[in-house]
Amino acid sequence: MATAALNPAEESQLMQTIEFFEVITQTQPDDTNSLEILKEAYSKLGREQDVVNTSKRIAQAYLQLGQLSSAILEYETVLQRRPEDADVRAALKQIEEKASNSVLQPTLEAAPLASVSETTMLRRKTKAAAVGEVDDGRKTLYKIFVESKVITAGDFDLCWHNVDLMLPPTDVIEPFIQTLHEKGIHLTDKSLRLLVEKSRLPYLPLDRYDVDMDLARGFPADVCRRWCVLPFDRMSKSILVATANPFNQQAAKELAEATTHRLLWYLASPVDIVSNLRKAFR
């Protein structure tokens, strides 16, 4: 049963969340962040069997990623609900046999703009402050687009916006891949496919999502406009954020400083991000 009564609007929003993230997890079955969002949505709707099934999918994803300890923890949450689940007990036995032949070590996630713990973010912030660096993703995007011969160095320089951190933006600063598109250099759809491949962040069709404008307005307008990042929904203790530059660590740092929630990043069309940001911050 559902843990709390939901009004029609809340139920509709949860159904939309499920629809979107089921699509994402079908194409990217190892995306544990999206699977966690799905599990939370199913839980709020009281869909117990779907919660259990999603927990098993999360555990399988962790196994594929080589994170055995996380898989064990997830399977154990299933056993708390279904103590006699034979499939889970068999899976745990297989993990134990595998673990006995190797030493479990923590897996360090290198995915760009992935969930960032407060400790990791503090470490990055301290390091950046010490050397005065601003990692806005330029170097990585240059390697992806120029060194891979997708575009020329001249086209890159023409379309890259150097941001003044001391000057508050009066409007949303256009993302790099949108400028590439508008100048007829490289289509946005091709750029997004390339970024999904290189960053391994899931793509979310923001134009079909009911963006939480009040949530977006709770973040600094200057940060959202400067880096073209859009906090668009909240799920439990996580904030979902849309970006068109998945390698912008400066944006991740500044946005994390504005919330105590975990940030989960998704790639989205730059046009949709810009449009929603202009609605949120008129």
C-alpha atoms as a PDB file:
ATOM      1  CA  MET A   1       0.000   0.000   0.000  1.00  0.00           C
ATOM      2  CA  ALA A   2       1.080   3.590  -0.565  1.00  0.00           C
ATOM      3  CA  THR A   3       2.835   5.188   2.371  1.00  0.00           C
ATOM      4  CA  ALA A   4       0.719   8.323   2.140  1.00  0.00           C
ATOM      5  CA  ALA A   5      -2.387   9.485   0.348  1.00  0.00           C
ATOM      6  CA  LEU A   6      -1.591  11.155  -2.963  1.00  0.00           C
ATOM      7  CA  ASN A   7      -3.665  13.787  -4.654  1.00  0.00           C
ATOM      8  CA  PRO A   8      -4.348  13.404  -8.417  1.00  0.00           C
ATOM      9  CA  ALA A   9      -1.607  15.876  -9.368  1.00  0.00           C
ATOM     10  CA  GLU A  10       1.022  14.046  -7.301  1.00  0.00           C
ATOM     11  CA  GLU A  11      -0.043  10.701  -8.705  1.00  0.00           C
ATOM     12  CA  SER A  12       0.076  12.057 -12.252  1.00  0.00           C
ATOM     13  CA  GLN A  13       3.579  13.450 -11.691  1.00  0.00           C
ATOM     14  CA  LEU A  14       4.793  10.110 -10.352  1.00  0.00           C
ATOM     15  CA  MET A  15       3.314   8.279 -13.340  1.00  0.00           C
ATOM     16  CA  GLN A  16       5.114  10.674 -15.659  1.00  0.00           C
ATOM     17  CA  THR A  17       8.357  10.110 -13.763  1.00  0.00           C
ATOM     18  CA  ILE A  18       7.951   6.353 -14.147  1.00  0.00           C
ATOM     19  CA  GLU A  19       7.235   6.665 -17.869  1.00  0.00           C
ATOM     20  CA  PHE A  20      10.349   8.745 -18.497  1.00  0.00           C
ATOM     21  CA  PHE A  21      12.760   6.783 -16.374  1.00  0.00           C
ATOM     22  CA  GLU A  22      11.570   3.390 -17.571  1.00  0.00           C
ATOM     23  CA  VAL A  23      12.565   4.529 -21.065  1.00  0.00           C
ATOM     24  CA  ILE A  24      15.943   5.737 -19.828  1.00  0.00           C
ATOM     25  CA  THR A  25      16.696   2.549 -17.903  1.00  0.00           C
ATOM     26  CA  GLN A  26      15.669   0.338 -20.819  1.00  0.00           C
ATOM     27  CA  THR A  27      18.330   1.965 -22.984  1.00  0.00           C
ATOM     28  CA  GLN A  28      20.844   2.337 -20.130  1.00  0.00           C
ATOM     29  CA  PRO A  29      20.230  -0.596 -17.740  1.00  0.00           C
ATOM     30  CA  ASP A  30      23.339   0.226 -15.673  1.00  0.00           C
ATOM     31  CA  ASP A  31      22.091   3.720 -14.761  1.00  0.00           C
ATOM     32  CA  THR A  32      21.627   3.107 -11.039  1.00  0.00           C
ATOM     33  CA  ASN A  33      20.623   6.722 -10.333  1.00  0.00           C
ATOM     34  CA  SER A  34      17.623   6.502 -12.664  1.00  0.00           C
ATOM     35  CA  LEU A  35      16.717   3.094 -11.268  1.00  0.00           C
ATOM     36  CA  GLU A  36      16.732   4.558  -7.754  1.00  0.00           C
ATOM     37  CA  ILE A  37      14.335   7.277  -8.922  1.00  0.00           C
ATOM     38  CA  LEU A  38      12.068   4.615 -10.390  1.00  0.00           C
ATOM     39  CA  LYS A  39      12.101   2.627  -7.158  1.00  0.00           C
ATOM     40  CA  GLU A  40      11.192   5.736  -5.168  1.00  0.00           C
ATOM     41  CA  ALA A  41       8.293   6.535  -7.514  1.00  0.00           C
ATOM     42  CA  TYR A  42       6.947   2.978  -7.336  1.00  0.00           C
ATOM     43  CA  SER A  43       7.237   3.075  -3.556  1.00  0.00           C
ATOM     44  CA  LYS A  44       5.230   6.288  -3.304  1.00  0.00           C
ATOM     45  CA  LEU A  45       2.508   4.726  -5.460  1.00  0.00           C
ATOM     46  CA  GLY A  46       2.437   1.639  -3.269  1.00  0.00           C
ATOM     47  CA  ARG A  47       3.447  -0.684  -6.124  1.00  0.00           C
ATOM     48  CA  GLU A  48       5.265  -3.198  -3.974  1.00  0.00           C
ATOM     49  CA  GLN A  49       6.096  -5.752  -6.679  1.00  0.00           C
ATOM     50  CA  ASP A  50       7.560  -3.043  -8.910  1.00  0.00           C
ATOM     51  CA  VAL A  51       9.680  -1.815  -5.991  1.00  0.00           C
ATOM     52  CA  VAL A  52      11.082  -5.313  -5.502  1.00  0.00           C
ATOM     53  CA  ASN A  53      11.674  -5.835  -9.217  1.00  0.00           C
ATOM     54  CA  THR A  54      13.463  -2.489  -9.493  1.00  0.00           C
ATOM     55  CA  SER A  55      15.654  -3.303  -6.497  1.00  0.00           C
ATOM     56  CA  LYS A  56      16.715  -6.462  -8.291  1.00  0.00           C
ATOM     57  CA  ARG A  57      17.499  -4.423 -11.415  1.00  0.00           C
ATOM     58  CA  ILE A  58      19.616  -2.064  -9.306  1.00  0.00           C
ATOM     59  CA  ALA A  59      21.522  -4.975  -7.801  1.00  0.00           C
ATOM     60  CA  GLN A  60      22.123  -6.432 -11.269  1.00  0.00           C
ATOM     61  CA  ALA A  61      23.378  -3.038 -12.467  1.00  0.00           C
ATOM     62  CA  TYR A  62      25.843  -2.893  -9.590  1.00  0.00           C
ATOM     63  CA  LEU A  63      27.045  -6.375 -10.484  1.00  0.00           C
ATOM     64  CA  GLN A  64      27.633  -5.298 -14.077  1.00  0.00           C
ATOM     65  CA  LEU A  65      29.632  -2.336 -12.778  1.00  0.00           C
ATOM     66  CA  GLY A  66      31.700  -4.601 -10.549  1.00  0.00           C
ATOM     67  CA  GLN A  67      30.360  -3.030  -7.344  1.00  0.00           C
ATOM     68  CA  LEU A  68      29.719  -6.233  -5.427  1.00  0.00           C
ATOM     69  CA  SER A  69      29.273  -4.679  -1.993  1.00  0.00           C
ATOM     70  CA  SER A  70      26.581  -2.315  -3.318  1.00  0.00           C
ATOM     71  CA  ALA A  71      24.827  -5.225  -5.032  1.00  0.00           C
ATOM     72  CA  ILE A  72      24.803  -7.164  -1.761  1.00  0.00           C
ATOM     73  CA  LEU A  73      23.270  -4.235   0.109  1.00  0.00           C
ATOM     74  CA  GLU A  74      20.561  -3.860  -2.526  1.00  0.00           C
ATOM     75  CA  TYR A  75      19.704  -7.543  -2.490  1.00  0.00           C
ATOM     76  CA  GLU A  76      19.497  -7.420   1.299  1.00  0.00           C
ATOM     77  CA  THR A  77      16.858  -4.663   1.064  1.00  0.00           C
ATOM     78  CA  VAL A  78      14.803  -7.081  -1.039  1.00  0.00           C
ATOM     79  CA  LEU A  79      15.160  -9.799   1.578  1.00  0.00           C
ATOM     80  CA  GLN A  80      13.821  -7.393   4.191  1.00  0.00           C
ATOM     81  CA  ARG A  81      10.610  -7.284   2.127  1.00  0.00           C
ATOM     82  CA  ARG A  82      10.680 -10.842   0.809  1.00  0.00           C
ATOM     83  CA  PRO A  83      12.734 -13.049   3.176  1.00  0.00           C
ATOM     84  CA  GLU A  84      12.027 -16.188   1.168  1.00  0.00           C
ATOM     85  CA  ASP A  85      12.903 -14.794  -2.276  1.00  0.00           C
ATOM     86  CA  ALA A  86      14.788 -17.716  -3.842  1.00  0.00           C
ATOM     87  CA  ASP A  87      16.238 -15.682  -6.726  1.00  0.00           C
ATOM     88  CA  VAL A  88      17.792 -13.156  -4.373  1.00  0.00           C
ATOM     89  CA  ARG A  89      19.232 -15.821  -2.096  1.00  0.00           C
ATOM     90  CA  ALA A  90      20.745 -17.572  -5.103  1.00  0.00           C
ATOM     91  CA  ALA A  91      22.202 -14.289  -6.360  1.00  0.00           C
ATOM     92  CA  LEU A  92      23.735 -13.544  -2.954  1.00  0.00           C
ATOM     93  CA  LYS A  93      25.287 -17.009  -2.853  1.00  0.00           C
ATOM     94  CA  GLN A  94      26.877 -16.425  -6.256  1.00  0.00           C
ATOM     95  CA  ILE A  95      28.252 -13.071  -5.112  1.00  0.00           C
ATOM     96  CA  GLU A  96      29.704 -14.620  -1.975  1.00  0.00           C
ATOM     97  CA  GLU A  97      31.430 -17.294  -4.058  1.00  0.00           C
ATOM     98  CA  LYS A  98      32.807 -14.637  -6.394  1.00  0.00           C
ATOM     99  CA  ALA A  99      33.914 -12.430  -3.512  1.00  0.00           C
ATOM    100  CA  SER A 100      35.743 -15.289  -1.858  1.00  0.00           C
ATOM    101  CA  ASN A 101      38.077 -15.420  -4.851  1.00  0.00           C
ATOM    102  CA  SER A 102      38.872 -11.729  -4.875  1.00  0.00           C
ATOM    103  CA  VAL A 103      39.328  -8.800  -2.521  1.00  0.00           C
ATOM    104  CA  LEU A 104      36.437  -6.351  -2.521  1.00  0.00           C
ATOM    105  CA  GLN A 105      37.611  -2.823  -3.138  1.00  0.00           C
ATOM    106  CA  PRO A 106      35.569   0.379  -3.419  1.00  0.00           C
ATOM    107  CA  THR A 107      34.813   1.463  -6.980  1.00  0.00           C
ATOM    108  CA  LEU A 108      35.611   5.065  -7.823  1.00  0.00           C
ATOM    109  CA  GLU A 109      33.045   6.504 -10.229  1.00  0.00           C
ATOM    110  CA  ALA A 110      34.540   8.653 -12.962  1.00  0.00           C
ATOM    111  CA  ALA A 111      31.320   9.524 -14.773  1.00  0.00           C
ATOM    112  CA  PRO A 112      31.153  13.251 -15.464  1.00  0.00           C
ATOM    113  CA  LEU A 113      28.715  15.193 -13.301  1.00  0.00           C
ATOM    114  CA  ALA A 114      27.647  12.017 -11.502  1.00  0.00           C
ATOM    115  CA  SER A 115      26.247  12.063  -7.986  1.00  0.00           C
ATOM    116  CA  VAL A 116      28.791  13.927  -5.886  1.00  0.00           C
ATOM    117  CA  SER A 117      29.158  13.336  -2.167  1.00  0.00           C
ATOM    118  CA  GLU A 118      29.648  16.310   0.118  1.00  0.00           C
ATOM    119  CA  THR A 119      33.155  15.095   0.989  1.00  0.00           C
ATOM    120  CA  THR A 120      34.159  14.773  -2.657  1.00  0.00           C
ATOM    121  CA  MET A 121      32.674  18.151  -3.499  1.00  0.00           C
ATOM    122  CA  LEU A 122      34.495  19.802  -0.587  1.00  0.00           C
ATOM    123  CA  ARG A 123      37.759  18.267  -1.758  1.00  0.00           C
ATOM    124  CA  ARG A 124      37.214  19.559  -5.291  1.00  0.00           C
ATOM    125  CA  LYS A 125      36.214  22.974  -4.042  1.00  0.00           C
ATOM    126  CA  THR A 126      39.309  23.272  -1.856  1.00  0.00           C
ATOM    127  CA  LYS A 127      41.589  22.187  -4.676  1.00  0.00           C
ATOM    128  CA  ALA A 128      40.017  24.577  -7.162  1.00  0.00           C
ATOM    129  CA  ALA A 129      40.270  27.468  -4.733  1.00  0.00           C
ATOM    130  CA  ALA A 130      43.917  26.708  -4.085  1.00  0.00           C
ATOM    131  CA  VAL A 131      44.965  26.827  -7.728  1.00  0.00           C
ATOM    132  CA  GLY A 132      42.347  29.284  -8.948  1.00  0.00           C
ATOM    133  CA  GLU A 133      41.114  26.919 -11.642  1.00  0.00           C
ATOM    134  CA  VAL A 134      37.722  26.913 -13.304  1.00  0.00           C
ATOM    135  CA  ASP A 135      36.922  23.613 -14.957  1.00  0.00           C
ATOM    136  CA  ASP A 136      34.000  24.506 -17.207  1.00  0.00           C
ATOM    137  CA  GLY A 137      34.484  21.501 -19.471  1.00  0.00           C
ATOM    138  CA  ARG A 138      36.317  23.360 -22.232  1.00  0.00           C
ATOM    139  CA  LYS A 139      39.350  21.066 -22.324  1.00  0.00           C
ATOM    140  CA  THR A 140      37.277  17.895 -22.463  1.00  0.00           C
ATOM    141  CA  LEU A 141      34.910  19.230 -25.115  1.00  0.00           C
ATOM    142  CA  TYR A 142      37.891  20.379 -27.176  1.00  0.00           C
ATOM    143  CA  LYS A 143      39.255  16.830 -27.143  1.00  0.00           C
ATOM    144  CA  ILE A 144      35.870  15.378 -28.076  1.00  0.00           C
ATOM    145  CA  PHE A 145      35.043  17.769 -30.884  1.00  0.00           C
ATOM    146  CA  VAL A 146      38.402  18.985 -32.235  1.00  0.00           C
ATOM    147  CA  GLU A 147      40.955  16.277 -31.524  1.00  0.00           C
ATOM    148  CA  SER A 148      38.456  13.694 -32.801  1.00  0.00           C
ATOM    149  CA  LYS A 149      38.129  15.822 -35.960  1.00  0.00           C
ATOM    150  CA  VAL A 150      34.391  16.430 -35.576  1.00  0.00           C
ATOM    151  CA  ILE A 151      34.933  20.173 -36.039  1.00  0.00           C
ATOM    152  CA  THR A 152      37.938  22.433 -36.598  1.00  0.00           C
ATOM    153  CA  ALA A 153      39.806  24.330 -33.904  1.00  0.00           C
ATOM    154  CA  GLY A 154      38.659  27.562 -35.528  1.00  0.00           C
ATOM    155  CA  ASP A 155      35.014  26.533 -35.329  1.00  0.00           C
ATOM    156  CA  PHE A 156      35.473  25.579 -31.682  1.00  0.00           C
ATOM    157  CA  ASP A 157      36.926  28.978 -30.777  1.00  0.00           C
ATOM    158  CA  LEU A 158      34.185  30.699 -32.747  1.00  0.00           C
ATOM    159  CA  CYS A 159      31.422  28.958 -30.780  1.00  0.00           C
ATOM    160  CA  TRP A 160      32.925  28.722 -27.307  1.00  0.00           C
ATOM    161  CA  HIS A 161      31.688  31.341 -24.829  1.00  0.00           C
ATOM    162  CA  ASN A 162      34.279  32.525 -22.307  1.00  0.00           C
ATOM    163  CA  VAL A 163      32.291  33.277 -19.161  1.00  0.00           C
ATOM    164  CA  ASP A 164      33.040  36.202 -16.838  1.00  0.00           C
ATOM    165  CA  LEU A 165      32.516  34.878 -13.313  1.00  0.00           C
ATOM    166  CA  MET A 166      32.440  38.400 -11.900  1.00  0.00           C
ATOM    167  CA  LEU A 167      29.657  39.641 -14.171  1.00  0.00           C
ATOM    168  CA  PRO A 168      26.071  38.499 -13.400  1.00  0.00           C
ATOM    169  CA  PRO A 169      24.460  37.287 -16.641  1.00  0.00           C
ATOM    170  CA  THR A 170      21.326  39.160 -17.715  1.00  0.00           C
ATOM    171  CA  ASP A 171      20.123  36.197 -19.781  1.00  0.00           C
ATOM    172  CA  VAL A 172      20.868  32.513 -20.207  1.00  0.00           C
ATOM    173  CA  ILE A 173      24.273  31.984 -21.820  1.00  0.00           C
ATOM    174  CA  GLU A 174      23.841  29.768 -24.844  1.00  0.00           C
ATOM    175  CA  PRO A 175      25.453  26.308 -24.535  1.00  0.00           C
ATOM    176  CA  PHE A 176      28.354  25.444 -26.819  1.00  0.00           C
ATOM    177  CA  ILE A 177      26.496  22.755 -28.769  1.00  0.00           C
ATOM    178  CA  GLN A 178      23.579  25.101 -29.408  1.00  0.00           C
ATOM    179  CA  THR A 179      25.928  27.704 -30.905  1.00  0.00           C
ATOM    180  CA  LEU A 180      27.473  24.986 -33.068  1.00  0.00           C
ATOM    181  CA  HIS A 181      24.008  24.185 -34.375  1.00  0.00           C
ATOM    182  CA  GLU A 182      22.928  27.768 -34.987  1.00  0.00           C
ATOM    183  CA  LYS A 183      26.077  28.517 -36.963  1.00  0.00           C
ATOM    184  CA  GLY A 184      25.485  25.457 -39.142  1.00  0.00           C
ATOM    185  CA  ILE A 185      28.667  23.719 -37.972  1.00  0.00           C
ATOM    186  CA  HIS A 186      27.306  20.627 -36.208  1.00  0.00           C
ATOM    187  CA  LEU A 187      23.696  19.593 -35.571  1.00  0.00           C
ATOM    188  CA  THR A 188      22.492  19.495 -31.972  1.00  0.00           C
ATOM    189  CA  ASP A 189      21.171  15.930 -32.282  1.00  0.00           C
ATOM    190  CA  LYS A 190      24.597  14.704 -33.396  1.00  0.00           C
ATOM    191  CA  SER A 191      26.320  16.625 -30.602  1.00  0.00           C
ATOM    192  CA  LEU A 192      23.968  15.174 -27.989  1.00  0.00           C
ATOM    193  CA  ARG A 193      24.533  11.622 -29.236  1.00  0.00           C
ATOM    194  CA  LEU A 194      28.271  12.214 -29.029  1.00  0.00           C
ATOM    195  CA  LEU A 195      28.027  13.602 -25.492  1.00  0.00           C
ATOM    196  CA  VAL A 196      25.822  10.728 -24.332  1.00  0.00           C
ATOM    197  CA  GLU A 197      28.432   8.304 -25.660  1.00  0.00           C
ATOM    198  CA  LYS A 198      31.390  10.108 -24.097  1.00  0.00           C
ATOM    199  CA  SER A 199      29.835  11.100 -20.764  1.00  0.00           C
ATOM    200  CA  ARG A 200      27.556   8.081 -20.301  1.00  0.00           C
ATOM    201  CA  LEU A 201      24.932  10.364 -18.811  1.00  0.00           C
ATOM    202  CA  PRO A 202      21.354   9.495 -19.798  1.00  0.00           C
ATOM    203  CA  TYR A 203      19.436  11.750 -22.167  1.00  0.00           C
ATOM    204  CA  LEU A 204      16.057  13.071 -21.027  1.00  0.00           C
ATOM    205  CA  PRO A 205      13.485  14.628 -23.416  1.00  0.00           C
ATOM    206  CA  LEU A 206      12.842  17.733 -21.334  1.00  0.00           C
ATOM    207  CA  ASP A 207      10.193  19.058 -23.732  1.00  0.00           C
ATOM    208  CA  ARG A 208       7.843  16.290 -22.551  1.00  0.00           C
ATOM    209  CA  TYR A 209       8.619  16.677 -18.846  1.00  0.00           C
ATOM    210  CA  ASP A 210       6.610  18.720 -16.346  1.00  0.00           C
ATOM    211  CA  VAL A 211       9.414  20.926 -15.038  1.00  0.00           C
ATOM    212  CA  ASP A 212       9.117  22.073 -11.418  1.00  0.00           C
ATOM    213  CA  MET A 213       9.586  25.825 -11.861  1.00  0.00           C
ATOM    214  CA  ASP A 214       9.397  26.529  -8.135  1.00  0.00           C
ATOM    215  CA  LEU A 215      12.272  24.123  -7.580  1.00  0.00           C
ATOM    216  CA  ALA A 216      14.345  25.825 -10.289  1.00  0.00           C
ATOM    217  CA  ARG A 217      13.700  29.255  -8.750  1.00  0.00           C
ATOM    218  CA  GLY A 218      15.054  27.968  -5.460  1.00  0.00           C
ATOM    219  CA  PHE A 219      18.543  27.925  -6.996  1.00  0.00           C
ATOM    220  CA  PRO A 220      20.677  31.008  -7.783  1.00  0.00           C
ATOM    221  CA  ALA A 221      19.595  32.566 -11.073  1.00  0.00           C
ATOM    222  CA  ASP A 222      23.150  33.648 -11.869  1.00  0.00           C
ATOM    223  CA  VAL A 223      24.462  30.084 -11.605  1.00  0.00           C
ATOM    224  CA  CYS A 224      21.647  28.618 -13.689  1.00  0.00           C
ATOM    225  CA  ARG A 225      21.927  31.291 -16.378  1.00  0.00           C
ATOM    226  CA  ARG A 226      25.718  31.372 -16.530  1.00  0.00           C
ATOM    227  CA  TRP A 227      26.143  27.626 -16.970  1.00  0.00           C
ATOM    228  CA  CYS A 228      22.747  26.850 -18.541  1.00  0.00           C
ATOM    229  CA  VAL A 229      21.832  24.216 -15.953  1.00  0.00           C
ATOM    230  CA  LEU A 230      18.248  23.519 -14.911  1.00  0.00           C
ATOM    231  CA  PRO A 231      17.181  21.800 -11.662  1.00  0.00           C
ATOM    232  CA  PHE A 232      13.890  20.363 -12.931  1.00  0.00           C
ATOM    233  CA  ASP A 233      12.561  17.893 -10.367  1.00  0.00           C
ATOM    234  CA  ARG A 234      13.056  16.504  -6.873  1.00  0.00           C
ATOM    235  CA  MET A 235      12.850  12.854  -5.927  1.00  0.00           C
ATOM    236  CA  SER A 236      13.345  12.045  -2.260  1.00  0.00           C
ATOM    237  CA  LYS A 237      16.788  13.396  -1.314  1.00  0.00           C
ATOM    238  CA  SER A 238      17.918  13.973  -4.898  1.00  0.00           C
ATOM    239  CA  ILE A 239      17.613  16.951  -7.254  1.00  0.00           C
ATOM    240  CA  LEU A 240      17.460  16.170 -10.966  1.00  0.00           C
ATOM    241  CA  VAL A 241      19.433  18.621 -13.121  1.00  0.00           C
ATOM    242  CA  ALA A 242      19.505  19.082 -16.899  1.00  0.00           C
ATOM    243  CA  THR A 243      22.649  20.190 -18.699  1.00  0.00           C
ATOM    244  CA  ALA A 244      24.030  20.437 -22.231  1.00  0.00           C
ATOM    245  CA  ASN A 245      27.639  20.324 -21.004  1.00  0.00           C
ATOM    246  CA  PRO A 246      28.179  17.163 -18.942  1.00  0.00           C
ATOM    247  CA  PHE A 247      31.822  18.024 -18.227  1.00  0.00           C
ATOM    248  CA  ASN A 248      31.262  21.382 -16.521  1.00  0.00           C
ATOM    249  CA  GLN A 249      32.594  20.701 -13.038  1.00  0.00           C
ATOM    250  CA  GLN A 250      32.386  24.384 -12.110  1.00  0.00           C
ATOM    251  CA  ALA A 251      28.625  24.314 -12.663  1.00  0.00           C
ATOM    252  CA  ALA A 252      28.367  21.139 -10.589  1.00  0.00           C
ATOM    253  CA  LYS A 253      30.327  22.752  -7.770  1.00  0.00           C
ATOM    254  CA  GLU A 254      28.348  26.001  -7.724  1.00  0.00           C
ATOM    255  CA  LEU A 255      24.990  24.242  -7.886  1.00  0.00           C
ATOM    256  CA  ALA A 256      25.979  21.810  -5.116  1.00  0.00           C
ATOM    257  CA  GLU A 257      26.803  24.762  -2.874  1.00  0.00           C
ATOM    258  CA  ALA A 258      23.163  25.876  -3.131  1.00  0.00           C
ATOM    259  CA  THR A 259      21.603  22.671  -1.791  1.00  0.00           C
ATOM    260  CA  THR A 260      22.107  19.866   0.696  1.00  0.00           C
ATOM    261  CA  HIS A 261      20.473  17.393  -1.691  1.00  0.00           C
ATOM    262  CA  ARG A 262      22.343  15.044  -3.987  1.00  0.00           C
ATOM    263  CA  LEU A 263      22.474  16.197  -7.612  1.00  0.00           C
ATOM    264  CA  LEU A 264      21.635  13.753 -10.401  1.00  0.00           C
ATOM    265  CA  TRP A 265      22.588  14.986 -13.875  1.00  0.00           C
ATOM    266  CA  TYR A 266      20.878  14.377 -17.207  1.00  0.00           C
ATOM    267  CA  LEU A 267      21.640  15.535 -20.720  1.00  0.00           C
ATOM    268  CA  ALA A 268      18.876  17.490 -22.406  1.00  0.00           C
ATOM    269  CA  SER A 269      18.330  19.605 -25.491  1.00  0.00           C
ATOM    270  CA  PRO A 270      19.939  23.038 -25.005  1.00  0.00           C
ATOM    271  CA  VAL A 271      16.898  24.708 -26.561  1.00  0.00           C
ATOM    272  CA  ASP A 272      14.617  23.134 -23.950  1.00  0.00           C
ATOM    273  CA  ILE A 273      16.954  24.059 -21.104  1.00  0.00           C
ATOM    274  CA  VAL A 274      17.215  27.682 -22.248  1.00  0.00           C
ATOM    275  CA  SER A 275      13.460  27.960 -22.741  1.00  0.00           C
ATOM    276  CA  ASN A 276      12.668  26.665 -19.252  1.00  0.00           C
ATOM    277  CA  LEU A 277      15.338  28.800 -17.608  1.00  0.00           C
ATOM    278  CA  ARG A 278      13.860  31.907 -19.221  1.00  0.00           C
ATOM    279  CA  LYS A 279      10.433  30.953 -17.889  1.00  0.00           C
ATOM    280  CA  ALA A 280      11.830  30.352 -14.405  1.00  0.00           C
ATOM    281  CA  PHE A 281      13.939  33.541 -14.259  1.00  0.00           C
ATOM    282  CA  ARG A 282      12.096  36.260 -16.150  1.00  0.00           C
END
